[in-house]
mmCIF file of all heavy atoms, coordinates in Angstrom:
data_MODEL
# 
_entry.id   MODEL 
# 
loop_
_atom_site.group_PDB 
_atom_site.id 
_atom_site.type_symbol 
_atom_site.label_atom_id 
_atom_site.label_alt_id 
_atom_site.label_comp_id 
_atom_site.label_asym_id 
_atom_site.label_entity_id 
_atom_site.label_seq_id 
_atom_site.pdbx_PDB_ins_code 
_atom_site.Cartn_x 
_atom_site.Cartn_y 
_atom_site.Cartn_z 
_atom_site.occupancy 
_atom_site.B_iso_or_equiv 
_atom_site.pdbx_formal_charge 
_atom_site.auth_seq_id 
_atom_site.auth_comp_id 
_atom_site.auth_asym_id 
_atom_site.auth_atom_id 
_atom_site.pdbx_PDB_model_num 
ATOM 1   N N   . ILE A 1 1  ? 83.119 12.183 30.153 1.00 0.00 ? 1  ILE A N   1 
ATOM 2   C CA  . ILE A 1 1  ? 82.687 12.755 28.832 1.00 0.00 ? 1  ILE A CA  1 
ATOM 3   C C   . ILE A 1 1  ? 82.191 14.157 29.007 1.00 0.00 ? 1  ILE A C   1 
ATOM 4   O O   . ILE A 1 1  ? 82.511 15.019 28.199 1.00 0.00 ? 1  ILE A O   1 
ATOM 5   C CB  . ILE A 1 1  ? 81.626 11.793 28.200 1.00 0.00 ? 1  ILE A CB  1 
ATOM 6   C CG1 . ILE A 1 1  ? 82.163 10.495 27.805 1.00 0.00 ? 1  ILE A CG1 1 
ATOM 7   C CG2 . ILE A 1 1  ? 80.904 12.532 27.025 1.00 0.00 ? 1  ILE A CG2 1 
ATOM 8   C CD1 . ILE A 1 1  ? 81.203 9.392  27.424 1.00 0.00 ? 1  ILE A CD1 1 
ATOM 9   N N   . LEU A 1 2  ? 81.401 14.402 30.080 1.00 0.00 ? 2  LEU A N   1 
ATOM 10  C CA  . LEU A 1 2  ? 80.903 15.757 30.254 1.00 0.00 ? 2  LEU A CA  1 
ATOM 11  C C   . LEU A 1 2  ? 82.058 16.739 30.571 1.00 0.00 ? 2  LEU A C   1 
ATOM 12  O O   . LEU A 1 2  ? 82.066 17.786 30.075 1.00 0.00 ? 2  LEU A O   1 
ATOM 13  C CB  . LEU A 1 2  ? 79.932 15.734 31.457 1.00 0.00 ? 2  LEU A CB  1 
ATOM 14  C CG  . LEU A 1 2  ? 78.591 15.089 31.160 1.00 0.00 ? 2  LEU A CG  1 
ATOM 15  C CD1 . LEU A 1 2  ? 77.758 15.105 32.452 1.00 0.00 ? 2  LEU A CD1 1 
ATOM 16  C CD2 . LEU A 1 2  ? 77.815 15.753 30.060 1.00 0.00 ? 2  LEU A CD2 1 
ATOM 17  N N   . LEU A 1 3  ? 83.031 16.225 31.375 1.00 0.00 ? 3  LEU A N   1 
ATOM 18  C CA  . LEU A 1 3  ? 84.177 17.076 31.723 1.00 0.00 ? 3  LEU A CA  1 
ATOM 19  C C   . LEU A 1 3  ? 84.918 17.507 30.434 1.00 0.00 ? 3  LEU A C   1 
ATOM 20  O O   . LEU A 1 3  ? 85.447 18.619 30.361 1.00 0.00 ? 3  LEU A O   1 
ATOM 21  C CB  . LEU A 1 3  ? 85.184 16.372 32.641 1.00 0.00 ? 3  LEU A CB  1 
ATOM 22  C CG  . LEU A 1 3  ? 84.753 16.352 34.157 1.00 0.00 ? 3  LEU A CG  1 
ATOM 23  C CD1 . LEU A 1 3  ? 85.686 15.420 34.961 1.00 0.00 ? 3  LEU A CD1 1 
ATOM 24  C CD2 . LEU A 1 3  ? 84.783 17.809 34.695 1.00 0.00 ? 3  LEU A CD2 1 
ATOM 25  N N   . GLN A 1 4  ? 85.031 16.595 29.456 1.00 0.00 ? 4  GLN A N   1 
ATOM 26  C CA  . GLN A 1 4  ? 85.766 16.873 28.185 1.00 0.00 ? 4  GLN A CA  1 
ATOM 27  C C   . GLN A 1 4  ? 85.077 17.984 27.415 1.00 0.00 ? 4  GLN A C   1 
ATOM 28  O O   . GLN A 1 4  ? 85.736 18.597 26.556 1.00 0.00 ? 4  GLN A O   1 
ATOM 29  C CB  . GLN A 1 4  ? 85.958 15.628 27.407 1.00 0.00 ? 4  GLN A CB  1 
ATOM 30  C CG  . GLN A 1 4  ? 86.880 14.559 28.044 1.00 0.00 ? 4  GLN A CG  1 
ATOM 31  C CD  . GLN A 1 4  ? 88.169 15.160 28.439 1.00 0.00 ? 4  GLN A CD  1 
ATOM 32  O OE1 . GLN A 1 4  ? 88.867 15.809 27.670 1.00 0.00 ? 4  GLN A OE1 1 
ATOM 33  N NE2 . GLN A 1 4  ? 88.571 14.861 29.669 1.00 0.00 ? 4  GLN A NE2 1 
ATOM 34  N N   . LYS A 1 5  ? 83.789 18.189 27.650 1.00 0.00 ? 5  LYS A N   1 
ATOM 35  C CA  . LYS A 1 5  ? 83.050 19.206 26.937 1.00 0.00 ? 5  LYS A CA  1 
ATOM 36  C C   . LYS A 1 5  ? 83.298 20.615 27.490 1.00 0.00 ? 5  LYS A C   1 
ATOM 37  O O   . LYS A 1 5  ? 82.870 21.602 26.900 1.00 0.00 ? 5  LYS A O   1 
ATOM 38  C CB  . LYS A 1 5  ? 81.583 18.908 26.963 1.00 0.00 ? 5  LYS A CB  1 
ATOM 39  C CG  . LYS A 1 5  ? 81.208 17.643 26.148 1.00 0.00 ? 5  LYS A CG  1 
ATOM 40  C CD  . LYS A 1 5  ? 79.742 17.379 26.203 1.00 0.00 ? 5  LYS A CD  1 
ATOM 41  C CE  . LYS A 1 5  ? 79.392 16.108 25.462 1.00 0.00 ? 5  LYS A CE  1 
ATOM 42  N NZ  . LYS A 1 5  ? 77.903 15.812 25.458 1.00 0.00 ? 5  LYS A NZ  1 
ATOM 43  N N   . LEU A 1 6  ? 83.943 20.699 28.697 1.00 0.00 ? 6  LEU A N   1 
ATOM 44  C CA  . LEU A 1 6  ? 84.160 21.993 29.283 1.00 0.00 ? 6  LEU A CA  1 
ATOM 45  C C   . LEU A 1 6  ? 85.411 22.641 28.695 1.00 0.00 ? 6  LEU A C   1 
ATOM 46  O O   . LEU A 1 6  ? 86.282 21.994 28.314 1.00 0.00 ? 6  LEU A O   1 
ATOM 47  C CB  . LEU A 1 6  ? 84.333 21.806 30.843 1.00 0.00 ? 6  LEU A CB  1 
ATOM 48  C CG  . LEU A 1 6  ? 83.213 21.268 31.657 1.00 0.00 ? 6  LEU A CG  1 
ATOM 49  C CD1 . LEU A 1 6  ? 83.650 21.144 33.074 1.00 0.00 ? 6  LEU A CD1 1 
ATOM 50  C CD2 . LEU A 1 6  ? 81.992 22.186 31.507 1.00 0.00 ? 6  LEU A CD2 1 
ATOM 51  N N   . PRO A 1 7  ? 85.475 24.000 28.843 1.00 0.00 ? 7  PRO A N   1 
ATOM 52  C CA  . PRO A 1 7  ? 86.721 24.616 28.488 1.00 0.00 ? 7  PRO A CA  1 
ATOM 53  C C   . PRO A 1 7  ? 87.875 24.135 29.331 1.00 0.00 ? 7  PRO A C   1 
ATOM 54  O O   . PRO A 1 7  ? 87.599 23.796 30.522 1.00 0.00 ? 7  PRO A O   1 
ATOM 55  C CB  . PRO A 1 7  ? 86.429 26.119 28.753 1.00 0.00 ? 7  PRO A CB  1 
ATOM 56  C CG  . PRO A 1 7  ? 84.902 26.216 28.668 1.00 0.00 ? 7  PRO A CG  1 
ATOM 57  C CD  . PRO A 1 7  ? 84.394 24.922 29.189 1.00 0.00 ? 7  PRO A CD  1 
ATOM 58  N N   . GLU A 1 8  ? 89.070 24.103 28.882 1.00 0.00 ? 8  GLU A N   1 
ATOM 59  C CA  . GLU A 1 8  ? 90.167 23.535 29.508 1.00 0.00 ? 8  GLU A CA  1 
ATOM 60  C C   . GLU A 1 8  ? 90.399 24.125 30.923 1.00 0.00 ? 8  GLU A C   1 
ATOM 61  O O   . GLU A 1 8  ? 90.638 23.419 31.935 1.00 0.00 ? 8  GLU A O   1 
ATOM 62  C CB  . GLU A 1 8  ? 91.475 23.702 28.744 1.00 0.00 ? 8  GLU A CB  1 
ATOM 63  C CG  . GLU A 1 8  ? 92.689 23.052 29.364 1.00 0.00 ? 8  GLU A CG  1 
ATOM 64  C CD  . GLU A 1 8  ? 93.924 23.141 28.543 1.00 0.00 ? 8  GLU A CD  1 
ATOM 65  O OE1 . GLU A 1 8  ? 93.868 23.634 27.406 1.00 0.00 ? 8  GLU A OE1 1 
ATOM 66  O OE2 . GLU A 1 8  ? 94.959 22.764 29.035 1.00 0.00 ? 8  GLU A OE2 1 
ATOM 67  N N   . ALA A 1 9  ? 90.287 25.448 31.122 1.00 0.00 ? 9  ALA A N   1 
ATOM 68  C CA  . ALA A 1 9  ? 90.503 26.135 32.389 1.00 0.00 ? 9  ALA A CA  1 
ATOM 69  C C   . ALA A 1 9  ? 89.605 25.607 33.452 1.00 0.00 ? 9  ALA A C   1 
ATOM 70  O O   . ALA A 1 9  ? 89.934 25.318 34.580 1.00 0.00 ? 9  ALA A O   1 
ATOM 71  C CB  . ALA A 1 9  ? 90.450 27.642 32.239 1.00 0.00 ? 9  ALA A CB  1 
ATOM 72  N N   . GLU A 1 10 ? 88.286 25.545 33.054 1.00 0.00 ? 10 GLU A N   1 
ATOM 73  C CA  . GLU A 1 10 ? 87.297 25.102 34.025 1.00 0.00 ? 10 GLU A CA  1 
ATOM 74  C C   . GLU A 1 10 ? 87.482 23.579 34.353 1.00 0.00 ? 10 GLU A C   1 
ATOM 75  O O   . GLU A 1 10 ? 87.372 23.132 35.507 1.00 0.00 ? 10 GLU A O   1 
ATOM 76  C CB  . GLU A 1 10 ? 85.846 25.342 33.524 1.00 0.00 ? 10 GLU A CB  1 
ATOM 77  C CG  . GLU A 1 10 ? 85.395 26.801 33.636 1.00 0.00 ? 10 GLU A CG  1 
ATOM 78  C CD  . GLU A 1 10 ? 85.818 27.654 32.553 1.00 0.00 ? 10 GLU A CD  1 
ATOM 79  O OE1 . GLU A 1 10 ? 86.542 27.232 31.593 1.00 0.00 ? 10 GLU A OE1 1 
ATOM 80  O OE2 . GLU A 1 10 ? 85.499 28.850 32.515 1.00 0.00 ? 10 GLU A OE2 1 
ATOM 81  N N   . ARG A 1 11 ? 87.717 22.792 33.310 1.00 0.00 ? 11 ARG A N   1 
ATOM 82  C CA  . ARG A 1 11 ? 87.886 21.372 33.477 1.00 0.00 ? 11 ARG A CA  1 
ATOM 83  C C   . ARG A 1 11 ? 89.060 21.096 34.433 1.00 0.00 ? 11 ARG A C   1 
ATOM 84  O O   . ARG A 1 11 ? 88.952 20.273 35.348 1.00 0.00 ? 11 ARG A O   1 
ATOM 85  C CB  . ARG A 1 11 ? 88.141 20.689 32.174 1.00 0.00 ? 11 ARG A CB  1 
ATOM 86  C CG  . ARG A 1 11 ? 88.226 19.171 32.291 1.00 0.00 ? 11 ARG A CG  1 
ATOM 87  C CD  . ARG A 1 11 ? 88.487 18.429 31.012 1.00 0.00 ? 11 ARG A CD  1 
ATOM 88  N NE  . ARG A 1 11 ? 89.773 18.691 30.450 1.00 0.00 ? 11 ARG A NE  1 
ATOM 89  C CZ  . ARG A 1 11 ? 90.015 19.466 29.342 1.00 0.00 ? 11 ARG A CZ  1 
ATOM 90  N NH1 . ARG A 1 11 ? 89.027 19.899 28.628 1.00 0.00 ? 11 ARG A NH1 1 
ATOM 91  N NH2 . ARG A 1 11 ? 91.270 19.625 29.007 1.00 0.00 ? 11 ARG A NH2 1 
ATOM 92  N N   . GLU A 1 12 ? 90.205 21.738 34.236 1.00 0.00 ? 12 GLU A N   1 
ATOM 93  C CA  . GLU A 1 12 ? 91.354 21.550 35.086 1.00 0.00 ? 12 GLU A CA  1 
ATOM 94  C C   . GLU A 1 12 ? 91.071 21.859 36.528 1.00 0.00 ? 12 GLU A C   1 
ATOM 95  O O   . GLU A 1 12 ? 91.462 21.067 37.424 1.00 0.00 ? 12 GLU A O   1 
ATOM 96  C CB  . GLU A 1 12 ? 92.529 22.380 34.589 1.00 0.00 ? 12 GLU A CB  1 
ATOM 97  C CG  . GLU A 1 12 ? 93.236 21.917 33.357 1.00 0.00 ? 12 GLU A CG  1 
ATOM 98  C CD  . GLU A 1 12 ? 94.429 22.736 32.943 1.00 0.00 ? 12 GLU A CD  1 
ATOM 99  O OE1 . GLU A 1 12 ? 94.533 23.944 33.371 1.00 0.00 ? 12 GLU A OE1 1 
ATOM 100 O OE2 . GLU A 1 12 ? 95.205 22.230 32.162 1.00 0.00 ? 12 GLU A OE2 1 
ATOM 101 N N   . VAL A 1 13 ? 90.408 22.943 36.781 1.00 0.00 ? 13 VAL A N   1 
ATOM 102 C CA  . VAL A 1 13 ? 90.135 23.317 38.172 1.00 0.00 ? 13 VAL A CA  1 
ATOM 103 C C   . VAL A 1 13 ? 89.233 22.287 38.820 1.00 0.00 ? 13 VAL A C   1 
ATOM 104 O O   . VAL A 1 13 ? 89.423 21.858 39.982 1.00 0.00 ? 13 VAL A O   1 
ATOM 105 C CB  . VAL A 1 13 ? 89.502 24.768 38.285 1.00 0.00 ? 13 VAL A CB  1 
ATOM 106 C CG1 . VAL A 1 13 ? 88.972 25.051 39.665 1.00 0.00 ? 13 VAL A CG1 1 
ATOM 107 C CG2 . VAL A 1 13 ? 90.523 25.793 37.896 1.00 0.00 ? 13 VAL A CG2 1 
ATOM 108 N N   . ILE A 1 14 ? 88.182 21.856 38.137 1.00 0.00 ? 14 ILE A N   1 
ATOM 109 C CA  . ILE A 1 14 ? 87.270 20.863 38.669 1.00 0.00 ? 14 ILE A CA  1 
ATOM 110 C C   . ILE A 1 14 ? 88.009 19.526 38.963 1.00 0.00 ? 14 ILE A C   1 
ATOM 111 O O   . ILE A 1 14 ? 87.871 18.935 40.001 1.00 0.00 ? 14 ILE A O   1 
ATOM 112 C CB  . ILE A 1 14 ? 86.026 20.633 37.771 1.00 0.00 ? 14 ILE A CB  1 
ATOM 113 C CG1 . ILE A 1 14 ? 85.204 21.880 37.781 1.00 0.00 ? 14 ILE A CG1 1 
ATOM 114 C CG2 . ILE A 1 14 ? 85.254 19.370 38.133 1.00 0.00 ? 14 ILE A CG2 1 
ATOM 115 C CD1 . ILE A 1 14 ? 84.019 21.867 36.756 1.00 0.00 ? 14 ILE A CD1 1 
ATOM 116 N N   . GLU A 1 15 ? 88.814 19.061 37.975 1.00 0.00 ? 15 GLU A N   1 
ATOM 117 C CA  . GLU A 1 15 ? 89.545 17.844 38.202 1.00 0.00 ? 15 GLU A CA  1 
ATOM 118 C C   . GLU A 1 15 ? 90.555 17.911 39.316 1.00 0.00 ? 15 GLU A C   1 
ATOM 119 O O   . GLU A 1 15 ? 90.631 17.017 40.161 1.00 0.00 ? 15 GLU A O   1 
ATOM 120 C CB  . GLU A 1 15 ? 90.278 17.482 36.887 1.00 0.00 ? 15 GLU A CB  1 
ATOM 121 C CG  . GLU A 1 15 ? 89.354 16.982 35.818 1.00 0.00 ? 15 GLU A CG  1 
ATOM 122 C CD  . GLU A 1 15 ? 90.033 16.754 34.446 1.00 0.00 ? 15 GLU A CD  1 
ATOM 123 O OE1 . GLU A 1 15 ? 91.209 17.230 34.276 1.00 0.00 ? 15 GLU A OE1 1 
ATOM 124 O OE2 . GLU A 1 15 ? 89.445 16.091 33.604 1.00 0.00 ? 15 GLU A OE2 1 
ATOM 125 N N   . LEU A 1 16 ? 91.283 19.080 39.458 1.00 0.00 ? 16 LEU A N   1 
ATOM 126 C CA  . LEU A 1 16 ? 92.203 19.209 40.513 1.00 0.00 ? 16 LEU A CA  1 
ATOM 127 C C   . LEU A 1 16 ? 91.507 19.254 41.918 1.00 0.00 ? 16 LEU A C   1 
ATOM 128 O O   . LEU A 1 16 ? 92.007 18.671 42.824 1.00 0.00 ? 16 LEU A O   1 
ATOM 129 C CB  . LEU A 1 16 ? 93.081 20.519 40.329 1.00 0.00 ? 16 LEU A CB  1 
ATOM 130 C CG  . LEU A 1 16 ? 94.046 20.429 39.159 1.00 0.00 ? 16 LEU A CG  1 
ATOM 131 C CD1 . LEU A 1 16 ? 94.695 21.817 38.947 1.00 0.00 ? 16 LEU A CD1 1 
ATOM 132 C CD2 . LEU A 1 16 ? 95.114 19.386 39.405 1.00 0.00 ? 16 LEU A CD2 1 
ATOM 133 N N   . HIS A 1 17 ? 90.316 19.903 41.899 1.00 0.00 ? 17 HIS A N   1 
ATOM 134 C CA  . HIS A 1 17 ? 89.639 20.053 43.212 1.00 0.00 ? 17 HIS A CA  1 
ATOM 135 C C   . HIS A 1 17 ? 88.882 18.791 43.498 1.00 0.00 ? 17 HIS A C   1 
ATOM 136 O O   . HIS A 1 17 ? 89.030 18.304 44.660 1.00 0.00 ? 17 HIS A O   1 
ATOM 137 C CB  . HIS A 1 17 ? 88.700 21.239 43.115 1.00 0.00 ? 17 HIS A CB  1 
ATOM 138 C CG  . HIS A 1 17 ? 88.009 21.556 44.434 1.00 0.00 ? 17 HIS A CG  1 
ATOM 139 N ND1 . HIS A 1 17 ? 88.672 22.018 45.577 1.00 0.00 ? 17 HIS A ND1 1 
ATOM 140 C CD2 . HIS A 1 17 ? 86.712 21.429 44.780 1.00 0.00 ? 17 HIS A CD2 1 
ATOM 141 C CE1 . HIS A 1 17 ? 87.748 22.098 46.511 1.00 0.00 ? 17 HIS A CE1 1 
ATOM 142 N NE2 . HIS A 1 17 ? 86.615 21.790 46.121 1.00 0.00 ? 17 HIS A NE2 1 
ATOM 143 N N   . MET A 1 18 ? 88.078 18.271 42.678 1.00 0.00 ? 18 MET A N   1 
ATOM 144 C CA  . MET A 1 18 ? 87.215 17.194 42.987 1.00 0.00 ? 18 MET A CA  1 
ATOM 145 C C   . MET A 1 18 ? 87.927 15.809 42.929 1.00 0.00 ? 18 MET A C   1 
ATOM 146 O O   . MET A 1 18 ? 87.596 14.959 43.748 1.00 0.00 ? 18 MET A O   1 
ATOM 147 C CB  . MET A 1 18 ? 86.065 17.095 42.008 1.00 0.00 ? 18 MET A CB  1 
ATOM 148 C CG  . MET A 1 18 ? 85.138 18.362 42.050 1.00 0.00 ? 18 MET A CG  1 
ATOM 149 S SD  . MET A 1 18 ? 84.252 18.532 43.603 1.00 0.00 ? 18 MET A SD  1 
ATOM 150 C CE  . MET A 1 18 ? 82.979 17.413 43.354 1.00 0.00 ? 18 MET A CE  1 
ATOM 151 N N   . ILE A 1 19 ? 88.854 15.656 42.036 1.00 0.00 ? 19 ILE A N   1 
ATOM 152 C CA  . ILE A 1 19 ? 89.475 14.326 41.862 1.00 0.00 ? 19 ILE A CA  1 
ATOM 153 C C   . ILE A 1 19 ? 90.716 14.230 42.632 1.00 0.00 ? 19 ILE A C   1 
ATOM 154 O O   . ILE A 1 19 ? 90.977 13.262 43.318 1.00 0.00 ? 19 ILE A O   1 
ATOM 155 C CB  . ILE A 1 19 ? 89.663 13.996 40.341 1.00 0.00 ? 19 ILE A CB  1 
ATOM 156 C CG1 . ILE A 1 19 ? 88.278 13.928 39.647 1.00 0.00 ? 19 ILE A CG1 1 
ATOM 157 C CG2 . ILE A 1 19 ? 90.512 12.718 40.165 1.00 0.00 ? 19 ILE A CG2 1 
ATOM 158 C CD1 . ILE A 1 19 ? 88.338 13.927 38.141 1.00 0.00 ? 19 ILE A CD1 1 
ATOM 159 N N   . ARG A 1 20 ? 91.571 15.169 42.490 1.00 0.00 ? 20 ARG A N   1 
ATOM 160 C CA  . ARG A 1 20 ? 92.877 15.188 43.208 1.00 0.00 ? 20 ARG A CA  1 
ATOM 161 C C   . ARG A 1 20 ? 92.763 15.748 44.633 1.00 0.00 ? 20 ARG A C   1 
ATOM 162 O O   . ARG A 1 20 ? 93.677 15.671 45.465 1.00 0.00 ? 20 ARG A O   1 
ATOM 163 C CB  . ARG A 1 20 ? 93.963 15.923 42.480 1.00 0.00 ? 20 ARG A CB  1 
ATOM 164 C CG  . ARG A 1 20 ? 94.320 15.153 41.179 1.00 0.00 ? 20 ARG A CG  1 
ATOM 165 C CD  . ARG A 1 20 ? 95.535 15.580 40.447 1.00 0.00 ? 20 ARG A CD  1 
ATOM 166 N NE  . ARG A 1 20 ? 96.652 15.993 41.277 1.00 0.00 ? 20 ARG A NE  1 
ATOM 167 C CZ  . ARG A 1 20 ? 97.568 16.865 40.896 1.00 0.00 ? 20 ARG A CZ  1 
ATOM 168 N NH1 . ARG A 1 20 ? 97.468 17.500 39.742 1.00 0.00 ? 20 ARG A NH1 1 
ATOM 169 N NH2 . ARG A 1 20 ? 98.569 17.163 41.701 1.00 0.00 ? 20 ARG A NH2 1 
ATOM 170 N N   . GLY A 1 21 ? 91.635 16.342 44.925 1.00 0.00 ? 21 GLY A N   1 
ATOM 171 C CA  . GLY A 1 21 ? 91.408 16.822 46.338 1.00 0.00 ? 21 GLY A CA  1 
ATOM 172 C C   . GLY A 1 21 ? 92.216 18.048 46.744 1.00 0.00 ? 21 GLY A C   1 
ATOM 173 O O   . GLY A 1 21 ? 92.385 18.345 47.871 1.00 0.00 ? 21 GLY A O   1 
ATOM 174 N N   . MET A 1 22 ? 92.608 18.849 45.691 1.00 0.00 ? 22 MET A N   1 
ATOM 175 C CA  . MET A 1 22 ? 93.409 20.033 46.017 1.00 0.00 ? 22 MET A CA  1 
ATOM 176 C C   . MET A 1 22 ? 92.494 21.161 46.440 1.00 0.00 ? 22 MET A C   1 
ATOM 177 O O   . MET A 1 22 ? 91.375 21.318 45.959 1.00 0.00 ? 22 MET A O   1 
ATOM 178 C CB  . MET A 1 22 ? 94.236 20.463 44.762 1.00 0.00 ? 22 MET A CB  1 
ATOM 179 C CG  . MET A 1 22 ? 95.316 19.492 44.361 1.00 0.00 ? 22 MET A CG  1 
ATOM 180 S SD  . MET A 1 22 ? 96.137 19.972 42.860 1.00 0.00 ? 22 MET A SD  1 
ATOM 181 C CE  . MET A 1 22 ? 97.025 21.451 43.397 1.00 0.00 ? 22 MET A CE  1 
ATOM 182 N N   . SER A 1 23 ? 92.990 22.022 47.379 1.00 0.00 ? 23 SER A N   1 
ATOM 183 C CA  . SER A 1 23 ? 92.226 23.166 47.773 1.00 0.00 ? 23 SER A CA  1 
ATOM 184 C C   . SER A 1 23 ? 92.325 24.194 46.681 1.00 0.00 ? 23 SER A C   1 
ATOM 185 O O   . SER A 1 23 ? 93.179 24.186 45.833 1.00 0.00 ? 23 SER A O   1 
ATOM 186 C CB  . SER A 1 23 ? 92.766 23.678 49.085 1.00 0.00 ? 23 SER A CB  1 
ATOM 187 O OG  . SER A 1 23 ? 94.061 24.274 48.928 1.00 0.00 ? 23 SER A OG  1 
ATOM 188 N N   . PHE A 1 24 ? 91.415 25.193 46.730 1.00 0.00 ? 24 PHE A N   1 
ATOM 189 C CA  . PHE A 1 24 ? 91.470 26.271 45.800 1.00 0.00 ? 24 PHE A CA  1 
ATOM 190 C C   . PHE A 1 24 ? 92.813 27.083 45.898 1.00 0.00 ? 24 PHE A C   1 
ATOM 191 O O   . PHE A 1 24 ? 93.317 27.450 44.897 1.00 0.00 ? 24 PHE A O   1 
ATOM 192 C CB  . PHE A 1 24 ? 90.303 27.243 45.945 1.00 0.00 ? 24 PHE A CB  1 
ATOM 193 C CG  . PHE A 1 24 ? 88.961 26.563 45.545 1.00 0.00 ? 24 PHE A CG  1 
ATOM 194 C CD1 . PHE A 1 24 ? 87.875 26.635 46.456 1.00 0.00 ? 24 PHE A CD1 1 
ATOM 195 C CD2 . PHE A 1 24 ? 88.788 25.952 44.359 1.00 0.00 ? 24 PHE A CD2 1 
ATOM 196 C CE1 . PHE A 1 24 ? 86.687 26.099 46.093 1.00 0.00 ? 24 PHE A CE1 1 
ATOM 197 C CE2 . PHE A 1 24 ? 87.593 25.348 44.023 1.00 0.00 ? 24 PHE A CE2 1 
ATOM 198 C CZ  . PHE A 1 24 ? 86.523 25.422 44.859 1.00 0.00 ? 24 PHE A CZ  1 
# 
């Protein structure tokens, strides 16, 4: 729910890094 409140660009980077484990 908190992630959905973020702007799309920030949310995508956090999801890719924290959930999918992708490097920057």
